[in-house]
Amino acid sequence: MVDEPTASLDRTSANRIISILKDTTSDGIAVLVASHDHELVRLSDTLTELN
């Protein structure tokens, strides 16, 4: 579980984090992410929006 893993990062650093998260899920491990980053939202398999 990660909370805002790309917050306050430049795009290059954020992309590195995104790559790590994608690699983790490709290994069959679930990753829960709380984020406002639209790039992470776009990559999600399942999305739950909290109002």
N, C-alpha and C. Protein backbone atom coordinates (compact mmCIF):
# COMPACT_ATOMS: atom_id res chain seq x y z
N MET A 1 0.85 -1.15 0.00
CA MET A 1 0.00 0.00 0.00
C MET A 1 0.90 1.23 0.00
N VAL A 2 0.60 2.15 -0.90
CA VAL A 2 1.37 3.40 -0.98
C VAL A 2 0.40 4.57 -1.04
N ASP A 3 0.75 5.64 -0.37
CA ASP A 3 -0.07 6.84 -0.31
C ASP A 3 0.65 7.96 -1.04
N GLU A 4 0.09 8.41 -2.15
CA GLU A 4 0.66 9.50 -2.96
C GLU A 4 2.13 9.25 -3.29
N PRO A 5 2.44 8.11 -3.92
CA PRO A 5 3.85 7.77 -4.16
C PRO A 5 4.58 8.71 -5.12
N THR A 6 3.83 9.47 -5.92
CA THR A 6 4.49 10.37 -6.88
C THR A 6 4.33 11.84 -6.51
N ALA A 7 3.75 12.11 -5.35
CA ALA A 7 3.54 13.50 -4.93
C ALA A 7 4.87 14.23 -4.80
N SER A 8 4.92 15.43 -5.29
CA SER A 8 6.08 16.33 -5.19
C SER A 8 7.31 15.81 -5.94
N LEU A 9 7.14 14.86 -6.83
CA LEU A 9 8.26 14.36 -7.63
C LEU A 9 8.21 14.97 -9.02
N ASP A 10 9.37 15.15 -9.63
CA ASP A 10 9.39 15.56 -11.03
C ASP A 10 8.91 14.36 -11.86
N ARG A 11 8.52 14.61 -13.10
CA ARG A 11 7.94 13.56 -13.94
C ARG A 11 8.89 12.38 -14.12
N THR A 12 10.18 12.64 -14.26
CA THR A 12 11.15 11.54 -14.43
C THR A 12 11.16 10.63 -13.21
N SER A 13 11.21 11.21 -12.03
CA SER A 13 11.21 10.41 -10.80
C SER A 13 9.88 9.69 -10.62
N ALA A 14 8.78 10.38 -10.94
CA ALA A 14 7.46 9.77 -10.84
C ALA A 14 7.36 8.57 -11.77
N ASN A 15 7.90 8.69 -12.97
CA ASN A 15 7.86 7.58 -13.92
C ASN A 15 8.66 6.38 -13.41
N ARG A 16 9.73 6.63 -12.68
CA ARG A 16 10.51 5.53 -12.08
C ARG A 16 9.66 4.79 -11.05
N ILE A 17 8.96 5.55 -10.22
CA ILE A 17 8.09 4.94 -9.21
C ILE A 17 6.99 4.14 -9.89
N ILE A 18 6.38 4.71 -10.92
CA ILE A 18 5.33 4.02 -11.66
C ILE A 18 5.86 2.72 -12.24
N SER A 19 7.06 2.74 -12.77
CA SER A 19 7.68 1.54 -13.33
C SER A 19 7.86 0.46 -12.26
N ILE A 20 8.30 0.86 -11.09
CA ILE A 20 8.47 -0.08 -9.98
C ILE A 20 7.13 -0.70 -9.59
N LEU A 21 6.10 0.12 -9.51
CA LEU A 21 4.77 -0.38 -9.16
C LEU A 21 4.25 -1.35 -10.22
N LYS A 22 4.45 -1.02 -11.49
CA LYS A 22 4.02 -1.90 -12.58
C LYS A 22 4.78 -3.22 -12.53
N ASP A 23 6.08 -3.18 -12.27
CA ASP A 23 6.87 -4.40 -12.17
C ASP A 23 6.37 -5.27 -11.02
N THR A 24 6.01 -4.64 -9.92
CA THR A 24 5.52 -5.37 -8.76
C THR A 24 4.22 -6.10 -9.09
N THR A 25 3.30 -5.41 -9.77
CA THR A 25 2.03 -6.05 -10.11
C THR A 25 2.21 -7.14 -11.17
N SER A 26 3.18 -6.98 -12.05
CA SER A 26 3.41 -8.02 -13.07
C SER A 26 3.96 -9.30 -12.44
N ASP A 27 4.49 -9.18 -11.22
CA ASP A 27 4.95 -10.35 -10.47
C ASP A 27 3.80 -11.02 -9.72
N GLY A 28 2.57 -10.50 -9.90
CA GLY A 28 1.40 -11.08 -9.25
C GLY A 28 1.12 -10.55 -7.86
N ILE A 29 1.76 -9.47 -7.49
CA ILE A 29 1.57 -8.87 -6.17
C ILE A 29 0.60 -7.70 -6.30
N ALA A 30 -0.40 -7.67 -5.44
CA ALA A 30 -1.37 -6.56 -5.45
C ALA A 30 -0.73 -5.32 -4.85
N VAL A 31 -1.02 -4.18 -5.45
CA VAL A 31 -0.54 -2.89 -4.94
C VAL A 31 -1.75 -1.98 -4.78
N LEU A 32 -1.94 -1.46 -3.59
CA LEU A 32 -3.00 -0.49 -3.33
C LEU A 32 -2.38 0.89 -3.33
N VAL A 33 -2.97 1.81 -4.10
CA VAL A 33 -2.41 3.15 -4.25
C VAL A 33 -3.49 4.18 -3.96
N ALA A 34 -3.18 5.13 -3.10
CA ALA A 34 -4.02 6.31 -2.90
C ALA A 34 -3.30 7.46 -3.59
N SER A 35 -3.96 8.06 -4.59
CA SER A 35 -3.26 9.08 -5.37
C SER A 35 -4.21 10.01 -6.10
N HIS A 36 -3.73 11.22 -6.37
CA HIS A 36 -4.41 12.18 -7.24
C HIS A 36 -3.73 12.24 -8.60
N ASP A 37 -2.69 11.45 -8.79
CA ASP A 37 -1.92 11.45 -10.04
C ASP A 37 -2.71 10.73 -11.13
N HIS A 38 -3.10 11.47 -12.15
CA HIS A 38 -3.93 10.91 -13.22
C HIS A 38 -3.22 9.81 -13.99
N GLU A 39 -1.91 9.84 -14.04
CA GLU A 39 -1.14 8.78 -14.71
C GLU A 39 -1.32 7.46 -13.97
N LEU A 40 -1.27 7.49 -12.66
CA LEU A 40 -1.48 6.28 -11.88
C LEU A 40 -2.91 5.78 -12.02
N VAL A 41 -3.86 6.70 -12.02
CA VAL A 41 -5.26 6.33 -12.18
C VAL A 41 -5.47 5.63 -13.52
N ARG A 42 -4.87 6.16 -14.56
CA ARG A 42 -5.01 5.60 -15.90
C ARG A 42 -4.46 4.17 -15.97
N LEU A 43 -3.45 3.86 -15.20
CA LEU A 43 -2.81 2.55 -15.23
C LEU A 43 -3.49 1.51 -14.35
N SER A 44 -4.46 1.94 -13.57
CA SER A 44 -5.09 1.05 -12.60
C SER A 44 -5.95 -0.02 -13.27
N ASP A 45 -5.92 -1.22 -12.70
CA ASP A 45 -6.82 -2.29 -13.14
C ASP A 45 -8.20 -2.10 -12.53
N THR A 46 -8.23 -1.65 -11.29
CA THR A 46 -9.47 -1.43 -10.56
C THR A 46 -9.39 -0.07 -9.90
N LEU A 47 -10.48 0.68 -9.97
CA LEU A 47 -10.50 2.03 -9.40
C LEU A 47 -11.68 2.16 -8.45
N THR A 48 -11.40 2.65 -7.25
CA THR A 48 -12.44 2.98 -6.29
C THR A 48 -12.26 4.45 -5.96
N GLU A 49 -13.29 5.23 -6.25
CA GLU A 49 -13.21 6.67 -6.01
C GLU A 49 -13.95 7.02 -4.72
N LEU A 50 -13.26 7.75 -3.86
CA LEU A 50 -13.86 8.20 -2.60
C LEU A 50 -14.25 9.66 -2.73
N ASN A 51 -15.45 9.96 -2.35
CA ASN A 51 -15.92 11.36 -2.39
C ASN A 51 -15.86 11.98 -1.02
